C-alpha atoms as a PDB file:
ATOM      1  CA  MET A   1       5.143   4.335  60.230  1.00  0.00           C
ATOM      2  CA  ASN A   2       3.196   6.675  57.965  1.00  0.00           C
ATOM      3  CA  TYR A   3       0.457   5.670  55.510  1.00  0.00           C
ATOM      4  CA  ASP A   4       2.744   5.518  52.474  1.00  0.00           C
ATOM      5  CA  ALA A   5       5.252   3.340  54.289  1.00  0.00           C
ATOM      6  CA  LYS A   6       2.502   0.936  55.287  1.00  0.00           C
ATOM      7  CA  GLY A   7       1.399   0.737  51.678  1.00  0.00           C
ATOM      8  CA  LEU A   8       4.895  -0.030  50.470  1.00  0.00           C
ATOM      9  CA  ALA A   9       5.380  -2.656  53.161  1.00  0.00           C
ATOM     10  CA  SER A  10       2.417  -4.619  51.788  1.00  0.00           C
ATOM     11  CA  LYS A  11       3.636  -4.535  48.180  1.00  0.00           C
ATOM     12  CA  ARG A  12       5.331  -7.428  46.428  1.00  0.00           C
ATOM     13  CA  ILE A  13       7.600  -7.233  43.402  1.00  0.00           C
ATOM     14  CA  VAL A  14       8.940  -9.885  41.033  1.00  0.00           C
ATOM     15  CA  ALA A  15      12.663 -10.498  41.454  1.00  0.00           C
ATOM     16  CA  LYS A  16      15.235 -12.841  39.921  1.00  0.00           C
ATOM     17  CA  LYS A  17      18.008 -14.759  41.644  1.00  0.00           C
ATOM     18  CA  ASN A  18      20.314 -17.409  40.194  1.00  0.00           C
ATOM     19  CA  GLY A  19      18.173 -17.630  37.055  1.00  0.00           C
ATOM     20  CA  LYS A  20      14.897 -18.199  38.941  1.00  0.00           C
ATOM     21  CA  PHE A  21      12.030 -15.850  39.783  1.00  0.00           C
ATOM     22  CA  GLY A  22      10.288 -15.202  43.096  1.00  0.00           C
ATOM     23  CA  LEU A  23       8.578 -12.429  45.067  1.00  0.00           C
ATOM     24  CA  ILE A  24      10.063 -10.022  47.585  1.00  0.00           C
ATOM     25  CA  ASN A  25       8.629  -7.122  49.573  1.00  0.00           C
ATOM     26  CA  PHE A  26      10.154  -3.687  50.088  1.00  0.00           C
ATOM     27  CA  LYS A  27      11.997  -4.948  53.167  1.00  0.00           C
ATOM     28  CA  ASN A  28      13.829  -7.339  50.809  1.00  0.00           C
ATOM     29  CA  GLU A  29      12.086 -10.280  52.442  1.00  0.00           C
ATOM     30  CA  VAL A  30      11.275 -13.276  50.240  1.00  0.00           C
ATOM     31  CA  THR A  31       7.519 -13.896  50.165  1.00  0.00           C
ATOM     32  CA  SER A  32       7.555 -16.475  47.375  1.00  0.00           C
ATOM     33  CA  PRO A  33      10.688 -18.605  46.855  1.00  0.00           C
ATOM     34  CA  PHE A  34      12.978 -18.230  43.853  1.00  0.00           C
ATOM     35  CA  GLN A  35      11.872 -21.390  42.091  1.00  0.00           C
ATOM     36  CA  TYR A  36       9.994 -20.306  38.960  1.00  0.00           C
ATOM     37  CA  GLU A  37      11.130 -20.107  35.332  1.00  0.00           C
ATOM     38  CA  ALA A  38       8.921 -17.036  34.815  1.00  0.00           C
ATOM     39  CA  LEU A  39       6.614 -14.982  37.013  1.00  0.00           C
ATOM     40  CA  ALA A  40       4.105 -12.265  36.070  1.00  0.00           C
ATOM     41  CA  LYS A  41       1.408 -10.401  37.977  1.00  0.00           C
ATOM     42  CA  ILE A  42      -2.029 -10.889  36.393  1.00  0.00           C
ATOM     43  CA  ASP A  43      -4.304  -9.120  38.889  1.00  0.00           C
ATOM     44  CA  TYR A  44      -4.146  -6.110  41.183  1.00  0.00           C
ATOM     45  CA  ALA A  45      -4.829  -8.393  44.155  1.00  0.00           C
ATOM     46  CA  ASP A  46      -1.361 -10.007  44.098  1.00  0.00           C
ATOM     47  CA  LEU A  47      -2.213 -12.958  41.859  1.00  0.00           C
ATOM     48  CA  TYR A  48       0.487 -14.297  39.561  1.00  0.00           C
ATOM     49  CA  LYS A  49       1.056 -16.823  36.813  1.00  0.00           C
ATOM     50  CA  ALA A  50       4.214 -18.771  37.617  1.00  0.00           C
ATOM     51  CA  LYS A  51       6.026 -21.011  35.154  1.00  0.00           C
ATOM     52  CA  GLN A  52       7.397 -24.272  36.438  1.00  0.00           C
ATOM     53  CA  ASP A  53       8.558 -27.292  34.428  1.00  0.00           C
ATOM     54  CA  GLY A  54       7.429 -25.573  31.232  1.00  0.00           C
ATOM     55  CA  HIS A  55       3.834 -24.927  32.360  1.00  0.00           C
ATOM     56  CA  TYR A  56       1.972 -22.265  34.315  1.00  0.00           C
ATOM     57  CA  LEU A  57       0.249 -22.396  37.682  1.00  0.00           C
ATOM     58  CA  LEU A  58      -1.758 -19.761  39.553  1.00  0.00           C
ATOM     59  CA  ILE A  59      -0.265 -18.479  42.807  1.00  0.00           C
ATOM     60  CA  ASP A  60      -0.785 -15.649  45.245  1.00  0.00           C
ATOM     61  CA  GLN A  61       2.074 -14.154  47.257  1.00  0.00           C
ATOM     62  CA  ASN A  62       2.769 -17.296  49.258  1.00  0.00           C
ATOM     63  CA  LYS A  63       0.829 -20.329  48.018  1.00  0.00           C
ATOM     64  CA  VAL A  64      -0.343 -22.221  44.942  1.00  0.00           C
ATOM     65  CA  LEU A  65      -4.029 -21.604  44.203  1.00  0.00           C
ATOM     66  CA  ASN A  66      -4.212 -23.936  41.207  1.00  0.00           C
ATOM     67  CA  PRO A  67      -1.285 -26.089  40.035  1.00  0.00           C
ATOM     68  CA  GLY A  68      -2.706 -26.492  36.517  1.00  0.00           C
ATOM     69  CA  PRO A  69      -0.626 -27.308  34.626  1.00  0.00           C
ATOM     70  CA  PHE A  70      -1.648 -24.665  32.074  1.00  0.00           C
ATOM     71  CA  ASP A  71      -0.081 -23.656  28.758  1.00  0.00           C
ATOM     72  CA  GLU A  72      -1.107 -20.037  29.461  1.00  0.00           C
ATOM     73  CA  ILE A  73      -3.137 -17.938  31.905  1.00  0.00           C
ATOM     74  CA  SER A  74      -4.609 -14.593  30.874  1.00  0.00           C
ATOM     75  CA  GLN A  75      -4.891 -11.477  32.990  1.00  0.00           C
ATOM     76  CA  PHE A  76      -7.885 -11.254  35.324  1.00  0.00           C
ATOM     77  CA  GLU A  77     -10.855  -9.138  34.223  1.00  0.00           C
ATOM     78  CA  ASP A  78     -13.789  -8.669  36.633  1.00  0.00           C
ATOM     79  CA  GLY A  79     -12.614 -11.562  38.767  1.00  0.00           C
ATOM     80  CA  THR A  80     -12.129 -14.026  35.891  1.00  0.00           C
ATOM     81  CA  ALA A  81      -9.092 -15.208  33.944  1.00  0.00           C
ATOM     82  CA  LEU A  82      -8.834 -17.624  31.039  1.00  0.00           C
ATOM     83  CA  THR A  83      -6.622 -20.690  31.299  1.00  0.00           C
ATOM     84  CA  PHE A  84      -5.449 -22.655  28.264  1.00  0.00           C
ATOM     85  CA  LYS A  85      -4.308 -26.260  27.928  1.00  0.00           C
ATOM     86  CA  ASP A  86      -3.979 -28.344  24.756  1.00  0.00           C
ATOM     87  CA  GLY A  87      -6.134 -25.984  22.702  1.00  0.00           C
ATOM     88  CA  MET A  88      -8.934 -25.817  25.266  1.00  0.00           C
ATOM     89  CA  MET A  89      -9.942 -22.837  27.432  1.00  0.00           C
ATOM     90  CA  ARG A  90     -11.379 -22.920  30.930  1.00  0.00           C
ATOM     91  CA  THR A  91     -12.201 -19.935  33.145  1.00  0.00           C
ATOM     92  CA  ILE A  92     -10.764 -19.575  36.620  1.00  0.00           C
ATOM     93  CA  ASN A  93     -11.678 -17.322  39.543  1.00  0.00           C
ATOM     94  CA  LYS A  94      -9.421 -15.607  42.071  1.00  0.00           C
ATOM     95  CA  ALA A  95      -9.694 -18.527  44.465  1.00  0.00           C
ATOM     96  CA  GLY A  96      -8.183 -20.782  41.794  1.00  0.00           C
ATOM     97  CA  THR A  97     -11.437 -22.612  41.055  1.00  0.00           C
ATOM     98  CA  ILE A  98     -12.253 -23.625  37.480  1.00  0.00           C
ATOM     99  CA  THR A  99     -15.704 -22.248  36.665  1.00  0.00           C
ATOM    100  CA  ASN A 100     -16.677 -23.656  33.257  1.00  0.00           C
ATOM    101  CA  GLU A 101     -16.464 -26.684  31.005  1.00  0.00           C
ATOM    102  CA  PRO A 102     -13.602 -26.745  28.480  1.00  0.00           C
ATOM    103  CA  VAL A 103     -14.125 -24.680  25.300  1.00  0.00           C
ATOM    104  CA  LYS A 104     -11.976 -24.952  22.171  1.00  0.00           C
ATOM    105  CA  MET A 105      -9.855 -21.778  22.100  1.00  0.00           C
ATOM    106  CA  GLU A 106      -6.232 -20.675  21.810  1.00  0.00           C
ATOM    107  CA  PRO A 107      -4.655 -17.806  23.785  1.00  0.00           C
ATOM    108  CA  HIS A 108      -4.143 -14.518  21.977  1.00  0.00           C
ATOM    109  CA  GLU A 109      -0.598 -13.728  20.896  1.00  0.00           C
ATOM    110  CA  GLY A 110      -0.177 -10.023  20.404  1.00  0.00           C
ATOM    111  CA  TYR A 111       1.415  -6.715  21.303  1.00  0.00           C
ATOM    112  CA  THR A 112       1.498  -5.552  24.916  1.00  0.00           C
ATOM    113  CA  THR A 113       2.421  -1.952  24.017  1.00  0.00           C
ATOM    114  CA  PHE A 114       1.312   0.331  21.204  1.00  0.00           C
ATOM    115  CA  GLU A 115       4.936   1.034  20.335  1.00  0.00           C
ATOM    116  CA  ASP A 116       5.499  -2.679  19.716  1.00  0.00           C
ATOM    117  CA  LEU A 117       2.386  -2.700  17.518  1.00  0.00           C
ATOM    118  CA  LYS A 118       3.539   0.282  15.469  1.00  0.00           C
ATOM    119  CA  TYR A 119       7.057  -1.014  14.930  1.00  0.00           C
ATOM    120  CA  GLY A 120       5.695  -4.489  14.173  1.00  0.00           C
ATOM    121  CA  LEU A 121       3.772  -2.891  11.327  1.00  0.00           C
ATOM    122  CA  ILE A 122       6.832  -1.001  10.103  1.00  0.00           C
ATOM    123  CA  ALA A 123       8.892  -4.212  10.089  1.00  0.00           C
ATOM    124  CA  ALA A 124       6.179  -6.008   8.102  1.00  0.00           C
ATOM    125  CA  LEU A 125       5.891  -3.177   5.585  1.00  0.00           C
ATOM    126  CA  GLU A 126       9.656  -2.971   5.116  1.00  0.00           C
ATOM    127  CA  SER A 127      10.103  -6.728   4.657  1.00  0.00           C
ATOM    128  CA  GLU A 128       9.697  -8.714   1.447  1.00  0.00           C
ATOM    129  CA  ASP A 129       8.488 -11.641   3.575  1.00  0.00           C
ATOM    130  CA  GLU A 130       4.696 -11.678   3.135  1.00  0.00           C
ATOM    131  CA  GLU A 131       4.280 -13.852   6.209  1.00  0.00           C
ATOM    132  CA  LEU A 132       5.325 -10.963   8.456  1.00  0.00           C
ATOM    133  CA  LEU A 133       2.260  -8.946   7.436  1.00  0.00           C
ATOM    134  CA  LYS A 134       0.020 -11.947   8.031  1.00  0.00           C
ATOM    135  CA  ALA A 135       1.568 -12.431  11.479  1.00  0.00           C
ATOM    136  CA  PHE A 136       0.996  -8.738  12.198  1.00  0.00           C
ATOM    137  CA  VAL A 137      -2.684  -9.049  11.256  1.00  0.00           C
ATOM    138  CA  ASP A 138      -3.097 -12.069  13.527  1.00  0.00           C
ATOM    139  CA  LYS A 139      -1.870  -9.939  16.419  1.00  0.00           C
ATOM    140  CA  ILE A 140      -3.942  -6.781  15.800  1.00  0.00           C
ATOM    141  CA  ALA A 141      -7.229  -8.480  14.876  1.00  0.00           C
ATOM    142  CA  PRO A 142      -9.614  -9.578  17.643  1.00  0.00           C
ATOM    143  CA  SER A 143      -9.376 -13.213  18.724  1.00  0.00           C
ATOM    144  CA  GLU A 144     -11.887 -15.439  20.498  1.00  0.00           C
ATOM    145  CA  HIS A 145      -9.789 -14.943  23.631  1.00  0.00           C
ATOM    146  CA  LEU A 146     -10.121 -11.142  23.519  1.00  0.00           C
ATOM    147  CA  LEU A 147     -13.758 -11.223  22.423  1.00  0.00           C
ATOM    148  CA  TYR A 148     -14.535 -13.132  25.621  1.00  0.00           C
ATOM    149  CA  PHE A 149     -13.905  -9.860  27.478  1.00  0.00           C
ATOM    150  CA  LEU A 150     -14.971  -7.427  24.747  1.00  0.00           C
ATOM    151  CA  HIS A 151     -18.711  -6.715  24.516  1.00  0.00           C
ATOM    152  CA  TYR A 152     -18.879  -2.970  23.855  1.00  0.00           C
ATOM    153  CA  ASN A 153     -18.127  -1.033  20.678  1.00  0.00           C
ATOM    154  CA  PHE A 154     -16.595   2.148  22.037  1.00  0.00           C
ATOM    155  CA  LEU A 155     -16.637   3.783  18.571  1.00  0.00           C
ATOM    156  CA  SER A 156     -20.407   3.466  18.086  1.00  0.00           C
ATOM    157  CA  ARG A 157     -21.248   3.477  21.827  1.00  0.00           C
ATOM    158  CA  LYS A 158     -23.296   0.324  21.291  1.00  0.00           C
ATOM    159  CA  GLN A 159     -23.069  -3.319  22.222  1.00  0.00           C
ATOM    160  CA  LEU A 160     -20.653  -5.249  20.060  1.00  0.00           C
ATOM    161  CA  GLY A 161     -22.431  -7.786  17.866  1.00  0.00           C
ATOM    162  CA  ASN A 162     -21.070 -11.070  16.572  1.00  0.00           C
ATOM    163  CA  VAL A 163     -17.556 -10.773  15.150  1.00  0.00           C
ATOM    164  CA  ASP A 164     -16.335 -13.149  12.438  1.00  0.00           C
ATOM    165  CA  VAL A 165     -12.648 -13.371  13.373  1.00  0.00           C
ATOM    166  CA  ALA A 166     -11.601 -15.124  10.144  1.00  0.00           C
ATOM    167  CA  TYR A 167     -13.344 -12.469   8.028  1.00  0.00           C
ATOM    168  CA  VAL A 168     -11.763  -9.620   9.992  1.00  0.00           C
ATOM    169  CA  LYS A 169      -8.307 -11.103   9.480  1.00  0.00           C
ATOM    170  CA  MET A 170      -8.939 -11.606   5.771  1.00  0.00           C
ATOM    171  CA  ARG A 171     -10.059  -8.000   5.295  1.00  0.00           C
ATOM    172  CA  TYR A 172      -7.193  -6.601   7.385  1.00  0.00           C
ATOM    173  CA  LEU A 173      -4.650  -8.549   5.344  1.00  0.00           C
ATOM    174  CA  GLU A 174      -6.202  -7.549   2.023  1.00  0.00           C
ATOM    175  CA  GLU A 175      -6.217  -3.852   2.846  1.00  0.00           C
ATOM    176  CA  LEU A 176      -2.772  -3.716   4.398  1.00  0.00           C
ATOM    177  CA  THR A 177      -1.316  -5.659   1.468  1.00  0.00           C
ATOM    178  CA  THR A 178      -2.907  -3.151  -0.922  1.00  0.00           C
ATOM    179  CA  PHE A 179      -1.483  -0.277   1.100  1.00  0.00           C
ATOM    180  CA  LYS A 180       1.984  -1.854   1.151  1.00  0.00           C
ATOM    181  CA  ASN A 181       2.090  -2.434  -2.608  1.00  0.00           C
ATOM    182  CA  ARG A 182       0.302   0.716  -3.769  1.00  0.00           C
ATOM    183  CA  TYR A 183       1.573   3.365  -1.364  1.00  0.00           C
ATOM    184  CA  TYR A 184       4.277   2.268   1.071  1.00  0.00           C
ATOM    185  CA  LYS A 185       6.634   1.074  -1.662  1.00  0.00           C
ATOM    186  CA  SER A 186       6.122   4.249  -3.679  1.00  0.00           C
ATOM    187  CA  ILE A 187       7.037   7.874  -3.087  1.00  0.00           C
ATOM    188  CA  LEU A 188       3.395   8.719  -2.394  1.00  0.00           C
ATOM    189  CA  PHE A 189       3.573   7.873   1.301  1.00  0.00           C
ATOM    190  CA  ASP A 190       5.459   9.995   3.825  1.00  0.00           C
ATOM    191  CA  LYS A 191       7.100   7.309   5.958  1.00  0.00           C
ATOM    192  CA  LYS A 192       8.421   9.840   8.465  1.00  0.00           C
ATOM    193  CA  SER A 193       4.898  10.493   9.719  1.00  0.00           C
ATOM    194  CA  LEU A 194       4.757   6.880  10.837  1.00  0.00           C
ATOM    195  CA  THR A 195       8.219   6.618  12.326  1.00  0.00           C
ATOM    196  CA  THR A 196       9.032  10.003  13.867  1.00  0.00           C
ATOM    197  CA  VAL A 197       5.777  11.263  15.419  1.00  0.00           C
ATOM    198  CA  GLU A 198       5.510  10.377  19.107  1.00  0.00           C
ATOM    199  CA  ASP A 199       2.627   8.219  20.306  1.00  0.00           C
ATOM    200  CA  TYR A 200       1.405   7.939  23.867  1.00  0.00           C
ATOM    201  CA  THR A 201      -1.114   5.871  25.811  1.00  0.00           C
ATOM    202  CA  ILE A 202      -4.112   7.335  27.634  1.00  0.00           C
ATOM    203  CA  TYR A 203      -7.006   5.988  29.666  1.00  0.00           C
ATOM    204  CA  ASP A 204     -10.194   7.792  28.660  1.00  0.00           C
ATOM    205  CA  GLY A 205     -12.387   6.331  31.414  1.00  0.00           C
ATOM    206  CA  GLU A 206     -13.431   3.368  29.291  1.00  0.00           C
ATOM    207  CA  VAL A 207     -10.380   1.927  27.579  1.00  0.00           C
ATOM    208  CA  TYR A 208      -6.660   2.326  27.229  1.00  0.00           C
ATOM    209  CA  THR A 209      -6.081   3.815  23.796  1.00  0.00           C
ATOM    210  CA  ASN A 210      -3.441   5.703  21.829  1.00  0.00           C
ATOM    211  CA  LYS A 211      -2.954   9.343  20.901  1.00  0.00           C
ATOM    212  CA  ARG A 212      -0.383  11.208  18.826  1.00  0.00           C
ATOM    213  CA  THR A 213       1.317  14.530  19.362  1.00  0.00           C
ATOM    214  CA  THR A 214       0.628  15.456  15.701  1.00  0.00           C
ATOM    215  CA  ASP A 215      -0.610  13.865  12.450  1.00  0.00           C
ATOM    216  CA  HIS A 216      -3.446  11.657  13.639  1.00  0.00           C
ATOM    217  CA  THR A 217      -3.781  10.007  10.232  1.00  0.00           C
ATOM    218  CA  PHE A 218      -0.363   8.281  10.429  1.00  0.00           C
ATOM    219  CA  GLY A 219       0.555   9.520   6.981  1.00  0.00           C
ATOM    220  CA  ASN A 220      -0.336  11.799   4.116  1.00  0.00           C
ATOM    221  CA  VAL A 221      -2.506   9.192   2.347  1.00  0.00           C
ATOM    222  CA  LYS A 222      -4.649   8.631   5.460  1.00  0.00           C
ATOM    223  CA  TYR A 223      -4.672   4.875   4.845  1.00  0.00           C
ATOM    224  CA  LEU A 224      -3.349   3.759   8.215  1.00  0.00           C
ATOM    225  CA  GLU A 225      -5.687   5.913  10.271  1.00  0.00           C
ATOM    226  CA  LYS A 226      -8.457   3.301  10.268  1.00  0.00           C
ATOM    227  CA  PHE A 227      -6.037   0.618  11.497  1.00  0.00           C
ATOM    228  CA  LEU A 228      -3.958   2.541  14.040  1.00  0.00           C
ATOM    229  CA  ARG A 229      -5.920   5.509  15.349  1.00  0.00           C
ATOM    230  CA  ASN A 230      -7.829   4.650  18.539  1.00  0.00           C
ATOM    231  CA  SER A 231      -6.118   1.295  18.858  1.00  0.00           C
ATOM    232  CA  PHE A 232      -7.027  -0.081  22.248  1.00  0.00           C
ATOM    233  CA  LYS A 233      -6.027  -2.656  24.845  1.00  0.00           C
ATOM    234  CA  VAL A 234      -8.071  -5.715  25.774  1.00  0.00           C
ATOM    235  CA  ASN A 235      -6.889  -8.131  28.460  1.00  0.00           C
ATOM    236  CA  GLY A 236      -3.359  -6.777  28.104  1.00  0.00           C
ATOM    237  CA  TYR A 237      -3.109  -6.782  24.288  1.00  0.00           C
ATOM    238  CA  TRP A 238      -3.361  -3.915  21.788  1.00  0.00           C
ATOM    239  CA  ILE A 239      -5.641  -4.437  18.784  1.00  0.00           C
ATOM    240  CA  SER A 240      -6.945  -2.386  15.869  1.00  0.00           C
ATOM    241  CA  PRO A 241     -10.430  -0.820  16.187  1.00  0.00           C
ATOM    242  CA  TYR A 242     -11.128  -0.924  12.447  1.00  0.00           C
ATOM    243  CA  PHE A 243     -13.564  -3.863  12.705  1.00  0.00           C
ATOM    244  CA  MET A 244     -15.737  -1.673  14.967  1.00  0.00           C
ATOM    245  CA  SER A 245     -15.940   1.143  12.423  1.00  0.00           C
ATOM    246  CA  HIS A 246     -18.919   1.868  10.178  1.00  0.00           C
ATOM    247  CA  ARG A 247     -16.398   1.865   7.309  1.00  0.00           C
ATOM    248  CA  PHE A 248     -15.670  -1.824   7.857  1.00  0.00           C
ATOM    249  CA  ARG A 249     -17.834  -4.103   5.715  1.00  0.00           C
END
């Protein structure tokens, strides 16, 4: 067996059978039984969050490391993941051991791809339902969950100071509402620049961020540039970098 074949033999993939999820290897051997309502890999070292009876537990490829039950488990970052239950957060390590006292915090709900983020914005701008824009802001603004892992301002190349999440959301909503009413609904904004230009994801050695093939301002009025350009991913979710900018007050 060559090196690549050995590597494949050690890999596990999520599979579904009869409505339940489990793990199999590349020999089609079951390494974790098909008994979970949902199953997602949350670390490179074959750690998974598995949903059972409506709650999550932490498992590796063949055993339960922590049965929880948890309402949510984040991805691992530097050996730590966040678990959530009844509005409280506790950290967990790769052995399944809880490593802190409970802290009041909710899991982030956001976009896992930049394309979803962009088309979430388009849907909110096109809709007359004002709540859609508010929901969009909640997803692209930093949350306490994401700030747990985010300590560096990659725009200024400095440490990230204290972030007032409520204030960021308020400012984001104010500015996007102004843009929607003043520009997007008028003939002043070239909507095609938002919808037809291709975006792609890159890793620049520090963060996963977005780039465009052309028109980096996302439109002829340059309003969306501060919200969408250099969007980046934290703990699996894409957020806007505007709160890191010197233009944000």
